Amino acid sequence: MGAILSFDDVNFQVRVNGVPYQDGSAWVYECYVAEGFAGSYIPGEFLLPGRQVSRIGSAYEEYSDEADIINYQTPFKMRNNLTTLRLSYDITGDAYSTVLAIALKDPETGKTSYLWADYQYWLALREWKRREEKFLLFSKSNRNADGTYALKGTNGRPVPVSAGLFEQISPANVRYYTTLTAELLEDYLFDLCYNMLGTNERKFIALTGEMGIREFDRILKEKVATFNLIDTKFVTGSGQELTLGGQFTTYEMTNGIELTLKRCPLFDNMELFRQLHPLTGKPLMSYTFMFVDLGSRDGQANVVKVCRKGREFVQWTTGGSVIPSGYGNSINTLRSNSRDGYQVHFLGEEGIMLRNPLSCGILYCDAEDVEISNAGGARVGA
């Protein structure tokens, strides 16, 4: 009651009079042109089905007991789940005592070890972290709309797979380019900023590969070439010791927008990403830009790794003739099997959460368009 509403053209406004009433499945609001003049009207084009209105304020007569209201709502709510990750490796009884030629140093304790078992443990930990990183970024959710899972394990129980960071980013913010330009980055980040209005945070971090960093440096050097600048950074030294070098990694745009690149080595992994750029032969993923909002909302980080309490990283040993602390040397030594060695198990129950999927985005390089444009002898811009 009393709300002033504007149409697609803000110069045309109406005032809501009284409370709405229900007519079938619809609600009816009685409105009057806010100006109140005899010749005032609302153009019919703004009253067609599908048009929208916006509340810009309210107005009331003196001694009124009416008041405008505030609606509390959330635009969307997403549900994700945790996934159980596991890894195991074996150490034989002989390998437990095998000595390495090169000592390994524990960075935490500073102690060194020549034992093969310690080296194998270090390899397993490194591989665990690599797989964890790939999973948190690229996993695809298999959860049905009703919360069930079609994928079953060998024991008949469901196998939940959580959505990785890439899948959680809003599809509206996923775009493609053929030739990267500074204007394309500016337009794209301007659009992302509209999803972050009121936060005063316009500093973006973009994860990319080697080729993405090279393309970013190229477009900024092309932009700088149009200026009349006196270089004091890229050419250094004198005489026979001149050095030419330097690379752009940050771009400060208009309206306070700032973009900084960070290399993600995983994007350059040719074993994982086998789709190659038709011209350079490098992984297409290396040209990808993933814009991540690492800010905070209401005191909470936007990107969060989520783990079940006490189960982020569980590790244990299944003992045979030997366990990490030593060999069994008595018939009273209890072990779980008769194997000449032992087995180490890792387990983690975790996932990743993106609080605001609208503030992040992805730019993919469209290789098919690049290939077509060069086959036709014409350059296709972004």
Protein backbone atom coordinates (compact mmCIF):
# COMPACT_ATOMS: atom_id res chain seq x y z
CA MET A 1 0.00 0.00 0.00
CA GLY A 2 1.29 3.42 -0.95
CA ALA A 3 4.31 2.12 -2.88
CA ILE A 4 5.51 4.18 -5.85
CA LEU A 5 6.32 1.88 -8.78
CA SER A 6 8.22 2.76 -11.95
CA PHE A 7 8.06 1.00 -15.32
CA ASP A 8 10.84 0.23 -17.81
CA ASP A 9 11.04 3.99 -18.33
CA VAL A 10 11.50 5.46 -14.85
CA ASN A 11 9.66 8.65 -15.87
CA PHE A 12 6.37 6.73 -15.84
CA GLN A 13 5.22 5.95 -12.29
CA VAL A 14 2.13 4.73 -10.46
CA ARG A 15 1.06 4.53 -6.81
CA VAL A 16 -0.44 1.37 -5.31
CA ASN A 17 -3.76 2.03 -3.63
CA GLY A 18 -5.12 -0.29 -0.96
CA VAL A 19 -4.25 -3.93 -0.41
CA PRO A 20 -4.04 -6.48 -3.26
CA TYR A 21 -6.77 -9.07 -3.77
CA GLN A 22 -6.62 -12.50 -5.32
CA ASP A 23 -8.30 -13.22 -8.64
CA GLY A 24 -7.94 -16.90 -9.42
CA SER A 25 -4.24 -17.70 -9.33
CA ALA A 26 -3.22 -14.04 -9.76
CA TRP A 27 -3.00 -11.08 -7.41
CA VAL A 28 -4.47 -7.73 -8.43
CA TYR A 29 -2.96 -4.40 -7.37
CA GLU A 30 -5.02 -1.26 -7.87
CA CYS A 31 -2.73 1.50 -9.12
CA TYR A 32 -3.12 5.15 -10.10
CA VAL A 33 -0.79 7.35 -12.11
CA ALA A 34 1.42 8.98 -9.49
CA GLU A 35 1.40 12.42 -11.10
CA GLY A 36 -2.36 12.66 -10.72
CA PHE A 37 -2.79 15.13 -13.59
CA ALA A 38 -5.78 14.87 -15.91
CA GLY A 39 -3.64 14.16 -18.94
CA SER A 40 -1.27 11.70 -17.22
CA TYR A 41 -1.06 8.20 -18.64
CA ILE A 42 1.13 5.08 -18.84
CA PRO A 43 2.09 4.00 -22.41
CA GLY A 44 0.57 0.67 -23.35
CA GLU A 45 3.97 -0.79 -24.30
CA PHE A 46 4.87 -0.82 -20.59
CA LEU A 47 1.69 -2.70 -19.64
CA LEU A 48 2.20 -5.73 -21.88
CA PRO A 49 2.61 -9.22 -20.34
CA GLY A 50 6.18 -9.86 -19.25
CA ARG A 51 6.99 -6.23 -18.47
CA GLN A 52 8.38 -5.41 -15.04
CA VAL A 53 8.03 -2.71 -12.40
CA SER A 54 10.38 -1.49 -9.69
CA ARG A 55 9.59 -0.02 -6.28
CA ILE A 56 11.31 3.35 -5.93
CA GLY A 57 9.70 4.58 -2.72
CA SER A 58 6.32 5.33 -1.10
CA ALA A 59 4.04 8.31 -0.51
CA TYR A 60 1.17 8.79 1.99
CA GLU A 61 -1.38 11.36 3.00
CA GLU A 62 -1.30 13.11 6.37
CA TYR A 63 -2.63 11.15 9.35
CA SER A 64 -2.46 7.85 7.45
CA ASP A 65 -2.02 4.55 9.28
CA GLU A 66 -0.67 2.76 6.20
CA ALA A 67 2.98 1.95 5.57
CA ASP A 68 5.12 0.29 2.92
CA ILE A 69 6.64 -3.12 3.66
CA ILE A 70 9.99 -4.80 3.20
CA ASN A 71 10.19 -8.22 1.60
CA TYR A 72 12.89 -10.59 2.81
CA GLN A 73 13.96 -13.20 0.31
CA THR A 74 16.96 -14.97 -1.20
CA PRO A 75 17.28 -15.19 -4.99
CA PHE A 76 18.40 -18.81 -4.92
CA LYS A 77 19.57 -21.58 -2.67
CA MET A 78 21.98 -24.26 -3.77
CA ARG A 79 22.68 -27.58 -2.14
CA ASN A 80 25.91 -29.51 -2.44
CA ASN A 81 27.29 -32.53 -0.64
CA LEU A 82 30.57 -33.89 0.67
CA THR A 83 32.46 -36.65 -1.12
CA THR A 84 34.56 -39.37 0.45
CA LEU A 85 38.01 -39.60 -1.14
CA ARG A 86 40.32 -42.57 -0.48
CA LEU A 87 43.85 -43.67 -1.39
CA SER A 88 45.99 -46.64 -0.30
CA TYR A 89 49.56 -47.84 -0.86
CA ASP A 90 51.62 -50.89 0.16
CA ILE A 91 55.06 -51.27 1.71
CA THR A 92 56.61 -54.74 1.60
CA GLY A 93 58.66 -56.10 4.47
CA ASP A 94 61.84 -55.84 2.38
CA ALA A 95 61.10 -52.30 1.17
CA TYR A 96 60.60 -51.16 4.76
CA SER A 97 64.35 -51.60 5.35
CA THR A 98 65.55 -50.55 1.89
CA VAL A 99 67.93 -47.58 2.00
CA LEU A 100 67.89 -44.72 -0.52
CA ALA A 101 71.03 -43.21 -2.00
CA ILE A 102 69.73 -39.69 -1.41
CA ALA A 103 68.48 -38.50 1.96
CA LEU A 104 65.05 -36.90 2.31
CA LYS A 105 64.47 -33.99 4.65
CA ASP A 106 61.18 -33.43 6.47
CA PRO A 107 60.42 -29.68 6.10
CA GLU A 108 58.43 -29.65 9.35
CA THR A 109 60.81 -31.46 11.69
CA GLY A 110 64.08 -30.88 9.83
CA LYS A 111 64.99 -34.56 10.21
CA THR A 112 66.45 -36.54 7.32
CA SER A 113 65.70 -40.11 6.28
CA TYR A 114 67.23 -42.62 3.86
CA LEU A 115 64.36 -45.11 4.15
CA TRP A 116 62.26 -46.14 1.16
CA ALA A 117 59.14 -46.31 3.33
CA ASP A 118 59.43 -42.61 4.21
CA TYR A 119 59.90 -41.73 0.53
CA GLN A 120 56.82 -43.74 -0.45
CA TYR A 121 54.78 -41.97 2.23
CA TRP A 122 55.88 -38.61 0.86
CA LEU A 123 54.92 -39.65 -2.69
CA ALA A 124 51.49 -40.78 -1.49
CA LEU A 125 50.87 -37.49 0.33
CA ARG A 126 51.83 -35.50 -2.76
CA GLU A 127 49.57 -37.57 -4.99
CA TRP A 128 46.72 -37.19 -2.48
CA LYS A 129 47.01 -33.40 -2.66
CA ARG A 130 47.13 -33.44 -6.45
CA ARG A 131 44.00 -35.54 -6.72
CA GLU A 132 42.27 -33.44 -4.07
CA GLU A 133 43.03 -30.26 -6.02
CA LYS A 134 41.71 -31.68 -9.30
CA PHE A 135 38.60 -33.01 -7.60
CA LEU A 136 37.71 -29.76 -5.83
CA LEU A 137 38.04 -27.85 -9.11
CA PHE A 138 36.56 -30.14 -11.74
CA SER A 139 34.25 -32.71 -10.13
CA LYS A 140 30.68 -32.89 -11.47
CA SER A 141 27.76 -33.42 -9.12
CA ASN A 142 25.71 -36.61 -9.55
CA ARG A 143 22.95 -35.65 -7.13
CA ASN A 144 19.39 -35.92 -8.43
CA ALA A 145 16.83 -33.20 -7.87
CA ASP A 146 15.16 -35.26 -5.15
CA GLY A 147 18.46 -35.71 -3.27
CA THR A 148 19.10 -39.30 -4.37
CA TYR A 149 22.06 -40.77 -6.25
CA ALA A 150 21.88 -43.20 -9.16
CA LEU A 151 25.55 -44.18 -8.90
CA LYS A 152 26.06 -47.15 -6.56
CA GLY A 153 29.21 -48.70 -5.12
CA THR A 154 30.15 -52.39 -4.92
CA ASN A 155 28.34 -52.73 -1.60
CA GLY A 156 25.14 -51.26 -3.07
CA ARG A 157 25.31 -47.94 -1.25
CA PRO A 158 25.16 -44.61 -3.15
CA VAL A 159 28.39 -42.88 -4.21
CA PRO A 160 27.85 -39.10 -3.82
CA VAL A 161 30.01 -36.81 -5.97
CA SER A 162 30.00 -33.12 -5.06
CA ALA A 163 30.08 -30.18 -7.46
CA GLY A 164 33.53 -28.69 -7.97
CA LEU A 165 34.34 -25.00 -8.19
CA PHE A 166 33.92 -24.84 -11.97
CA GLU A 167 30.44 -26.35 -11.87
CA GLN A 168 29.26 -23.97 -9.13
CA ILE A 169 29.96 -20.81 -11.13
CA SER A 170 26.81 -19.28 -12.59
CA PRO A 171 26.28 -20.39 -16.23
CA ALA A 172 25.42 -16.77 -17.08
CA ASN A 173 29.05 -15.86 -16.32
CA VAL A 174 30.60 -18.52 -18.57
CA ARG A 175 31.66 -17.08 -21.93
CA TYR A 176 33.93 -17.88 -24.87
CA TYR A 177 36.47 -15.93 -26.87
CA THR A 178 38.51 -16.51 -30.01
CA THR A 179 41.00 -13.64 -29.85
CA LEU A 180 41.57 -12.07 -26.45
CA THR A 181 41.39 -8.26 -26.33
CA ALA A 182 41.60 -5.67 -23.58
CA GLU A 183 38.10 -4.47 -24.45
CA LEU A 184 36.72 -7.97 -24.00
CA LEU A 185 38.21 -8.23 -20.49
CA GLU A 186 36.91 -4.79 -19.57
CA ASP A 187 33.37 -5.53 -20.77
CA TYR A 188 33.36 -8.91 -19.06
CA LEU A 189 34.52 -7.58 -15.69
CA PHE A 190 32.08 -4.67 -15.91
CA ASP A 191 29.30 -7.26 -16.17
CA LEU A 192 30.65 -9.17 -13.17
CA CYS A 193 30.72 -5.96 -11.15
CA TYR A 194 26.97 -5.57 -11.60
CA ASN A 195 26.62 -8.74 -9.52
CA MET A 196 28.73 -7.19 -6.75
CA LEU A 197 27.14 -3.75 -6.43
CA GLY A 198 27.43 -2.29 -2.95
CA THR A 199 30.37 -4.47 -1.88
CA ASN A 200 33.13 -1.95 -2.76
CA GLU A 201 35.23 -4.89 -3.87
CA ARG A 202 36.36 -4.67 -7.48
CA LYS A 203 39.67 -6.47 -7.33
CA PHE A 204 39.59 -9.73 -9.25
CA ILE A 205 41.99 -12.67 -9.28
CA ALA A 206 42.07 -14.74 -12.47
CA LEU A 207 43.54 -18.24 -12.47
CA THR A 208 45.00 -19.18 -15.83
CA GLY A 209 47.74 -21.19 -17.53
CA GLU A 210 50.99 -20.26 -19.24
CA MET A 211 49.23 -19.35 -22.49
CA GLY A 212 46.63 -17.25 -20.71
CA ILE A 213 49.39 -15.22 -19.05
CA ARG A 214 51.10 -14.78 -22.43
CA GLU A 215 47.88 -13.63 -24.09
CA PHE A 216 47.21 -11.21 -21.23
CA ASP A 217 50.70 -9.74 -21.58
CA ARG A 218 50.24 -9.45 -25.35
CA ILE A 219 47.01 -7.45 -25.22
CA LEU A 220 48.37 -5.03 -22.62
CA LYS A 221 51.56 -4.44 -24.62
CA GLU A 222 49.39 -3.78 -27.68
CA LYS A 223 47.42 -1.27 -25.63
CA VAL A 224 50.58 0.40 -24.33
CA ALA A 225 51.93 0.65 -27.89
CA THR A 226 49.16 3.15 -28.68
CA PHE A 227 50.46 5.51 -25.98
CA ASN A 228 53.37 7.92 -26.28
CA LEU A 229 55.39 6.58 -23.36
CA ILE A 230 59.02 6.84 -22.34
CA ASP A 231 60.08 3.35 -21.32
CA THR A 232 61.97 2.99 -18.04
CA LYS A 233 61.04 -0.60 -17.20
CA PHE A 234 61.26 -2.98 -20.15
CA VAL A 235 64.71 -1.95 -21.42
CA THR A 236 67.43 -1.86 -18.78
CA GLY A 237 71.22 -1.74 -18.71
CA SER A 238 73.54 0.05 -21.12
CA GLY A 239 76.25 -0.58 -23.73
CA GLN A 240 76.77 -4.29 -24.35
CA GLU A 241 74.64 -5.26 -21.32
CA LEU A 242 71.15 -4.24 -22.46
CA THR A 243 68.25 -6.35 -21.25
CA LEU A 244 64.78 -6.44 -22.76
CA GLY A 245 62.13 -8.02 -20.59
CA GLY A 246 59.09 -7.66 -18.39
CA GLN A 247 55.57 -9.03 -18.25
CA PHE A 248 52.20 -7.56 -17.35
CA THR A 249 50.29 -9.44 -14.67
CA THR A 250 47.91 -6.71 -13.41
CA TYR A 251 45.49 -4.47 -15.26
CA GLU A 252 43.88 -1.47 -13.55
CA MET A 253 40.78 -0.49 -15.51
CA THR A 254 38.26 2.31 -15.21
CA ASN A 255 35.78 2.53 -12.33
CA GLY A 256 38.32 1.04 -9.91
CA ILE A 257 38.30 -2.44 -11.45
CA GLU A 258 41.59 -4.29 -11.05
CA LEU A 259 42.55 -7.68 -12.46
CA THR A 260 45.58 -9.71 -11.36
CA LEU A 261 46.63 -13.00 -12.92
CA LYS A 262 47.83 -16.05 -11.00
CA ARG A 263 49.17 -19.12 -12.77
CA CYS A 264 47.44 -22.39 -11.96
CA PRO A 265 49.90 -25.14 -13.03
CA LEU A 266 47.04 -27.60 -13.26
CA PHE A 267 45.68 -25.73 -16.31
CA ASP A 268 48.87 -26.67 -18.21
CA ASN A 269 48.61 -30.39 -17.47
CA MET A 270 48.67 -32.05 -20.92
CA GLU A 271 47.82 -35.45 -19.47
CA LEU A 272 44.59 -34.13 -17.98
CA PHE A 273 43.66 -31.66 -20.73
CA ARG A 274 44.15 -33.28 -24.12
CA GLN A 275 42.14 -30.81 -26.21
CA LEU A 276 44.80 -28.68 -27.90
CA HIS A 277 44.77 -25.25 -29.49
CA PRO A 278 44.79 -25.77 -33.29
CA LEU A 279 47.54 -23.20 -33.86
CA THR A 280 49.90 -23.50 -30.89
CA GLY A 281 49.33 -27.14 -29.93
CA LYS A 282 49.09 -26.14 -26.26
CA PRO A 283 46.20 -27.28 -24.02
CA LEU A 284 43.07 -25.21 -24.53
CA MET A 285 42.72 -25.16 -20.75
CA SER A 286 45.94 -23.13 -20.62
CA TYR A 287 44.01 -20.27 -22.31
CA THR A 288 41.17 -20.41 -19.78
CA PHE A 289 40.61 -17.54 -17.34
CA MET A 290 38.78 -18.38 -14.14
CA PHE A 291 37.78 -15.21 -12.30
CA VAL A 292 37.52 -15.90 -8.58
CA ASP A 293 36.04 -13.54 -6.02
CA LEU A 294 38.19 -14.20 -2.96
CA GLY A 295 36.51 -11.51 -0.88
CA SER A 296 34.27 -11.91 2.15
CA ARG A 297 30.53 -11.53 2.63
CA ASP A 298 29.26 -10.71 6.11
CA GLY A 299 32.60 -11.80 7.55
CA GLN A 300 32.64 -15.13 5.72
CA ALA A 301 34.99 -16.08 2.89
CA ASN A 302 33.36 -16.46 -0.52
CA VAL A 303 35.31 -19.61 -1.43
CA VAL A 304 35.47 -22.21 1.33
CA LYS A 305 36.77 -25.76 1.56
CA VAL A 306 34.23 -27.74 3.57
CA CYS A 307 35.07 -30.91 5.51
CA ARG A 308 33.24 -33.06 7.98
CA LYS A 309 34.67 -32.47 11.45
CA GLY A 310 37.49 -34.88 12.22
CA ARG A 311 37.43 -36.40 8.71
CA GLU A 312 39.33 -33.87 6.60
CA PHE A 313 42.34 -36.20 6.43
CA VAL A 314 42.20 -39.57 8.19
CA GLN A 315 45.14 -41.98 7.88
CA TRP A 316 45.77 -45.41 9.34
CA THR A 317 47.78 -48.59 8.81
CA THR A 318 46.73 -52.18 8.18
CA GLY A 319 49.62 -54.13 9.70
CA GLY A 320 51.22 -57.39 8.59
CA SER A 321 54.76 -58.48 9.43
CA VAL A 322 55.69 -54.85 9.90
CA ILE A 323 54.07 -51.49 10.71
CA PRO A 324 55.64 -48.02 10.41
CA SER A 325 57.05 -48.31 13.94
CA GLY A 326 58.89 -51.59 13.24
CA TYR A 327 58.74 -55.36 12.69
CA GLY A 328 56.80 -57.77 14.81
CA ASN A 329 59.18 -59.91 16.91
CA SER A 330 56.90 -61.95 19.14
CA ILE A 331 54.04 -64.41 18.82
CA ASN A 332 52.16 -62.01 21.07
CA THR A 333 52.39 -59.28 18.40
CA LEU A 334 48.89 -58.86 17.02
CA ARG A 335 48.46 -57.96 13.33
CA SER A 336 45.43 -57.83 11.03
CA ASN A 337 46.80 -60.16 8.32
CA SER A 338 49.73 -62.41 7.42
CA ARG A 339 51.11 -60.18 4.65
CA ASP A 340 54.86 -59.51 4.69
CA GLY A 341 54.50 -55.74 4.86
CA TYR A 342 51.80 -53.20 5.68
CA GLN A 343 49.27 -50.99 3.92
CA VAL A 344 48.58 -47.31 4.54
CA HIS A 345 45.14 -45.79 3.94
CA PHE A 346 44.09 -42.17 3.44
CA LEU A 347 40.49 -40.95 3.66
CA GLY A 348 38.89 -37.54 3.45
CA GLU A 349 35.29 -36.35 3.39
CA GLU A 350 35.23 -32.93 1.82
CA GLY A 351 33.92 -30.54 -0.80
CA ILE A 352 34.15 -26.90 -1.85
CA MET A 353 31.57 -24.13 -1.46
CA LEU A 354 31.12 -20.96 -3.48
CA ARG A 355 28.87 -18.63 -1.50
CA ASN A 356 28.11 -16.26 -4.37
CA PRO A 357 28.27 -17.98 -7.78
CA LEU A 358 27.34 -14.71 -9.51
CA SER A 359 30.59 -12.96 -8.53
CA CYS A 360 32.85 -15.47 -10.31
CA GLY A 361 33.19 -16.34 -13.97
CA ILE A 362 35.03 -18.29 -16.65
CA LEU A 363 36.38 -17.30 -20.07
CA TYR A 364 37.08 -20.26 -22.34
CA CYS A 365 39.01 -20.13 -25.59
CA ASP A 366 36.81 -21.37 -28.44
CA ALA A 367 39.23 -23.44 -30.53
CA GLU A 368 36.70 -24.31 -33.24
CA ASP A 369 36.14 -20.65 -34.09
CA VAL A 370 39.89 -20.05 -34.15
CA GLU A 371 40.37 -22.97 -36.54
CA ILE A 372 37.54 -21.85 -38.84
CA SER A 373 38.72 -18.24 -38.92
CA ASN A 374 42.25 -19.19 -39.94
CA ALA A 375 41.05 -21.73 -42.49
CA GLY A 376 39.10 -18.95 -44.17
CA GLY A 377 42.00 -16.55 -44.06
CA ALA A 378 40.19 -14.04 -41.85
CA ARG A 379 40.80 -13.15 -38.24
CA VAL A 380 37.82 -13.47 -35.97
CA GLY A 381 37.79 -11.09 -33.03
CA ALA A 382 36.38 -11.72 -29.57
